[in-house]
Amino acid sequence: MRVARALSALGYCSRREAERLIEARRVAVNGEILDTPLVLVDIEQDLIAVDGVLIGSVSMATYAVYKPVGVTSTVRDPHAGRTVVELVDSSVRLYPVGRLDKESEGLILLTNDGELAQRVTHPSYGVEKEYEALVDRVPETATLEAVRAGVRLDGRMRRPLRVEAVKGDSGAWVRLALAEGINHEVRRILGAVGLSVSRLIRTRIGPIQLGRLRPGTYRLLSSEEIAKLKDVKRSVAVSGAKVWVEDK
């Protein structure tokens, strides 16, 4: 059914009032803010939130998951061998917070908490996501400075918050922190300065670290960790960079 009708069916408000909320961009479905009342939803499966508060919610649960390479960051994909939600054995319906492309690996959050999903994914909150990329050579200082200066992608300058080069036994790694992500952003930024990425791992989302998780494993976030994620204040990203060499 259409989302306005769903809000009415859930007893939240009238259909007309629901349409006004949608026009005011106060309604989100699965963490995505709506700008049209024509979106179809399944009230048994989709997460519908108003002002970040989940409507008709069940018990909340949020998991940190290590998504392996080859697993898609979707709920349903008929063309995927396996989706990230299939990695977690949970009694509640979970949705991925943000995305990692199929070729990338590392930390992703699964939750049924609409408020948390909005705070982590909406660019106005500036929640940092940290990545480590295995590249084909040790980047020179000038190369990192070019990343710091910014790379134009999709008509906008993209500047990481931090850029660090890390030299390890398995090759040269570059660590980047971003506050806003677009499709394949890390690979495209590094590619623009002549670095080819053969492996990409997301190691942190806000205060949540990948830690000791291994590919395909997960853990339930504590109430303290969830509170820290929700306590992120709206911010404006300030770019910076430094060179950092250590054993990985």
Protein backbone atom coordinates (compact mmCIF):
# COMPACT_ATOMS: atom_id res chain seq x y z
CA MET A 1 0.00 0.00 0.00
CA ARG A 2 1.05 3.63 -0.35
CA VAL A 3 2.97 5.01 2.60
CA ALA A 4 0.31 7.60 3.53
CA ARG A 5 -2.29 4.86 3.75
CA ALA A 6 0.14 2.74 5.77
CA LEU A 7 0.56 5.50 8.37
CA SER A 8 -3.21 5.73 8.60
CA ALA A 9 -3.57 1.94 8.89
CA LEU A 10 -1.00 1.92 11.70
CA GLY A 11 -3.13 4.48 13.55
CA TYR A 12 -0.54 7.24 13.47
CA CYS A 13 -2.55 9.92 11.66
CA SER A 14 -5.05 10.49 8.88
CA ARG A 15 -4.04 9.87 5.28
CA ARG A 16 -4.22 13.60 4.52
CA GLU A 17 -2.00 14.46 7.48
CA ALA A 18 0.41 11.72 6.40
CA GLU A 19 0.68 13.32 2.96
CA ARG A 20 1.55 16.65 4.61
CA LEU A 21 4.26 14.97 6.69
CA ILE A 22 5.72 13.39 3.57
CA GLU A 23 5.72 16.71 1.71
CA ALA A 24 7.59 18.21 4.68
CA ARG A 25 10.20 15.40 4.32
CA ARG A 26 9.52 14.12 7.83
CA VAL A 27 8.78 10.53 6.81
CA ALA A 28 11.42 7.89 6.11
CA VAL A 29 11.11 4.32 4.85
CA ASN A 30 14.02 2.00 5.65
CA GLY A 31 16.13 5.04 6.54
CA GLU A 32 15.43 6.96 3.30
CA ILE A 33 13.62 10.32 3.56
CA LEU A 34 10.59 10.44 1.22
CA ASP A 35 9.60 13.34 -1.01
CA THR A 36 6.53 11.72 -2.57
CA PRO A 37 3.47 9.95 -1.12
CA LEU A 38 3.42 7.50 -4.05
CA VAL A 39 5.95 5.11 -2.50
CA LEU A 40 4.59 1.61 -1.86
CA VAL A 41 5.42 -0.11 1.42
CA ASP A 42 4.80 -3.38 3.20
CA ILE A 43 3.86 -2.62 6.82
CA GLU A 44 4.91 -6.13 7.83
CA GLN A 45 8.46 -5.70 6.48
CA ASP A 46 9.35 -2.05 5.81
CA LEU A 47 10.53 0.35 8.53
CA ILE A 48 8.41 3.52 8.53
CA ALA A 49 9.59 6.42 10.70
CA VAL A 50 8.29 9.95 11.34
CA ASP A 51 10.86 12.46 12.62
CA GLY A 52 13.19 9.52 13.22
CA VAL A 53 10.74 7.62 15.43
CA LEU A 54 9.75 4.18 14.16
CA ILE A 55 5.99 3.67 13.77
CA GLY A 56 4.50 0.37 14.88
CA SER A 57 7.93 -0.76 16.05
CA VAL A 58 8.90 -4.08 17.55
CA SER A 59 11.82 -4.51 19.95
CA MET A 60 14.88 -2.66 18.70
CA ALA A 61 18.06 -4.44 17.71
CA THR A 62 21.25 -3.22 16.03
CA TYR A 63 24.13 -5.43 14.93
CA ALA A 64 27.66 -4.72 13.77
CA VAL A 65 28.42 -7.09 10.89
CA TYR A 66 31.57 -7.87 8.92
CA LYS A 67 30.29 -8.05 5.34
CA PRO A 68 32.51 -10.31 3.25
CA VAL A 69 33.38 -9.71 -0.38
CA GLY A 70 30.67 -11.10 -2.67
CA VAL A 71 27.77 -10.38 -0.30
CA THR A 72 25.35 -7.61 -1.28
CA SER A 73 24.20 -4.87 1.11
CA THR A 74 20.49 -5.32 0.42
CA VAL A 75 17.49 -6.97 2.03
CA ARG A 76 16.38 -8.78 -1.11
CA ASP A 77 18.25 -9.32 -4.36
CA PRO A 78 17.13 -12.10 -6.74
CA HIS A 79 20.49 -11.90 -8.52
CA ALA A 80 22.64 -12.10 -5.39
CA GLY A 81 24.10 -15.31 -4.07
CA ARG A 82 23.76 -13.98 -0.52
CA THR A 83 22.64 -10.74 1.13
CA VAL A 84 24.05 -9.17 4.27
CA VAL A 85 20.83 -9.63 6.26
CA GLU A 86 21.17 -13.40 5.80
CA LEU A 87 24.36 -13.33 7.88
CA VAL A 88 22.53 -12.46 11.12
CA ASP A 89 20.28 -14.89 12.95
CA SER A 90 17.67 -12.51 14.35
CA SER A 91 13.99 -12.81 15.24
CA VAL A 92 13.32 -9.22 14.06
CA ARG A 93 13.34 -7.83 10.55
CA LEU A 94 16.64 -6.00 9.97
CA TYR A 95 17.77 -3.51 7.36
CA PRO A 96 21.28 -2.42 6.38
CA VAL A 97 22.35 1.09 7.39
CA GLY A 98 24.13 2.47 4.35
CA ARG A 99 25.78 0.31 1.74
CA LEU A 100 29.03 -1.39 0.84
CA ASP A 101 29.47 -2.46 -2.77
CA LYS A 102 29.71 -6.17 -3.50
CA GLU A 103 33.48 -6.06 -4.03
CA SER A 104 34.13 -4.28 -0.72
CA GLU A 105 34.14 -5.70 2.80
CA GLY A 106 34.02 -4.65 6.41
CA LEU A 107 31.70 -2.98 8.87
CA ILE A 108 28.01 -2.48 8.16
CA LEU A 109 25.18 -2.01 10.64
CA LEU A 110 21.89 -3.91 10.53
CA THR A 111 18.99 -2.50 12.51
CA ASN A 112 15.24 -2.01 12.80
CA ASP A 113 15.75 1.36 14.54
CA GLY A 114 14.63 4.07 12.11
CA GLU A 115 16.03 6.94 14.19
CA LEU A 116 19.47 5.36 14.35
CA ALA A 117 19.44 4.61 10.62
CA GLN A 118 18.61 8.23 9.81
CA ARG A 119 21.31 9.66 12.07
CA VAL A 120 24.00 7.39 10.65
CA THR A 121 23.10 7.82 6.97
CA HIS A 122 21.90 11.42 6.65
CA PRO A 123 24.84 13.61 5.51
CA SER A 124 23.81 16.52 7.74
CA TYR A 125 24.94 14.56 10.82
CA GLY A 126 28.41 14.04 9.35
CA VAL A 127 28.94 10.57 10.86
CA GLU A 128 32.47 9.49 9.92
CA LYS A 129 33.07 6.29 8.02
CA GLU A 130 36.64 5.04 7.93
CA TYR A 131 38.10 2.84 5.19
CA GLU A 132 41.39 1.10 4.49
CA ALA A 133 42.30 0.55 0.84
CA LEU A 134 45.07 -1.74 -0.44
CA VAL A 135 46.67 0.10 -3.35
CA ASP A 136 49.22 -0.85 -6.01
CA ARG A 137 52.06 1.33 -4.71
CA VAL A 138 53.11 3.45 -1.76
CA PRO A 139 51.57 6.87 -2.44
CA GLU A 140 53.89 9.84 -2.56
CA THR A 141 53.22 12.89 -0.42
CA ALA A 142 52.15 14.79 -3.53
CA THR A 143 49.57 12.11 -4.28
CA LEU A 144 48.05 12.41 -0.82
CA GLU A 145 48.07 16.18 -1.12
CA ALA A 146 46.07 15.82 -4.34
CA VAL A 147 43.48 13.78 -2.44
CA ARG A 148 43.45 16.42 0.28
CA ALA A 149 42.85 19.16 -2.29
CA GLY A 150 39.78 17.29 -3.47
CA VAL A 151 38.65 15.27 -6.45
CA ARG A 152 35.67 16.30 -8.56
CA LEU A 153 33.10 13.49 -8.76
CA ASP A 154 29.58 13.85 -10.14
CA GLY A 155 30.01 17.61 -10.38
CA ARG A 156 31.15 18.12 -6.77
CA MET A 157 34.49 18.31 -5.02
CA ARG A 158 34.97 15.37 -2.68
CA ARG A 159 37.46 15.83 0.16
CA PRO A 160 38.13 13.15 2.77
CA LEU A 161 38.27 14.34 6.39
CA ARG A 162 41.62 12.56 6.81
CA VAL A 163 44.03 10.65 4.58
CA GLU A 164 46.79 8.44 5.97
CA ALA A 165 49.23 6.22 4.07
CA VAL A 166 50.02 2.99 5.91
CA LYS A 167 52.83 0.71 4.71
CA GLY A 168 52.32 -2.93 5.71
CA ASP A 169 53.70 -6.38 4.94
CA SER A 170 50.89 -7.13 2.49
CA GLY A 171 51.39 -3.92 0.51
CA ALA A 172 50.60 -0.24 0.67
CA TRP A 173 47.39 0.80 2.38
CA VAL A 174 45.62 4.15 2.43
CA ARG A 175 43.26 5.00 5.29
CA LEU A 176 40.52 7.54 4.60
CA ALA A 177 37.76 9.01 6.75
CA LEU A 178 34.64 10.32 5.00
CA ALA A 179 31.56 12.07 6.36
CA GLU A 180 29.44 11.62 3.26
CA GLY A 181 29.55 8.76 0.80
CA ILE A 182 28.58 8.21 -2.82
CA ASN A 183 28.76 5.07 -4.91
CA HIS A 184 32.34 3.69 -5.11
CA GLU A 185 33.66 6.97 -3.67
CA VAL A 186 36.90 5.67 -2.15
CA ARG A 187 37.87 3.73 -5.28
CA ARG A 188 37.03 6.69 -7.49
CA ILE A 189 38.93 9.23 -5.37
CA LEU A 190 42.06 7.10 -5.29
CA GLY A 191 41.70 6.18 -8.95
CA ALA A 192 41.60 9.85 -9.86
CA VAL A 193 45.11 10.30 -8.44
CA GLY A 194 46.47 7.17 -10.13
CA LEU A 195 46.06 4.60 -7.33
CA SER A 196 44.43 1.26 -8.11
CA VAL A 197 42.51 -0.38 -5.24
CA SER A 198 42.60 -4.16 -4.96
CA ARG A 199 40.96 -4.46 -1.54
CA LEU A 200 38.70 -2.09 0.39
CA ILE A 201 37.66 -2.53 4.04
CA ARG A 202 35.35 -0.28 6.07
CA THR A 203 36.78 -0.31 9.59
CA ARG A 204 34.62 2.21 11.46
CA ILE A 205 31.21 3.89 11.46
CA GLY A 206 31.16 6.78 13.95
CA PRO A 207 32.25 5.34 17.30
CA ILE A 208 31.68 1.72 16.22
CA GLN A 209 34.84 -0.17 15.23
CA LEU A 210 35.14 -3.31 13.15
CA GLY A 211 37.40 -4.60 15.92
CA ARG A 212 37.87 -8.35 16.11
CA LEU A 213 34.99 -9.27 13.84
CA ARG A 214 35.93 -11.59 11.00
CA PRO A 215 34.20 -11.93 7.60
CA GLY A 216 30.65 -13.22 8.05
CA THR A 217 30.52 -12.68 11.82
CA TYR A 218 28.50 -10.16 13.84
CA ARG A 219 27.76 -8.87 17.32
CA LEU A 220 24.82 -7.12 18.97
CA LEU A 221 25.54 -3.50 19.86
CA SER A 222 25.16 -2.51 23.49
CA SER A 223 22.76 0.17 24.65
CA GLU A 224 25.77 2.40 25.39
CA GLU A 225 27.06 2.06 21.82
CA ILE A 226 23.63 2.83 20.37
CA ALA A 227 23.37 5.91 22.61
CA LYS A 228 26.74 7.15 21.29
CA LEU A 229 25.58 6.70 17.70
CA LYS A 230 22.38 8.62 18.38
CA ASP A 231 24.27 11.36 20.20
CA VAL A 232 26.13 12.40 17.04
CA LYS A 233 25.56 16.12 16.52
CA ARG A 234 24.94 17.71 13.15
CA SER A 235 28.27 18.98 11.87
CA VAL A 236 30.08 20.49 8.92
CA ALA A 237 32.98 18.38 7.67
CA VAL A 238 36.43 19.97 7.85
CA SER A 239 38.95 18.40 5.49
CA GLY A 240 42.51 17.56 6.49
CA ALA A 241 45.26 15.11 5.70
CA LYS A 242 48.48 13.72 7.03
CA VAL A 243 50.95 11.03 6.10
CA TRP A 244 51.26 8.20 8.58
CA VAL A 245 53.52 5.20 8.04
CA GLU A 246 53.45 2.19 10.35
CA ASP A 247 53.44 -1.58 10.30
CA LYS A 248 50.01 -2.96 9.50
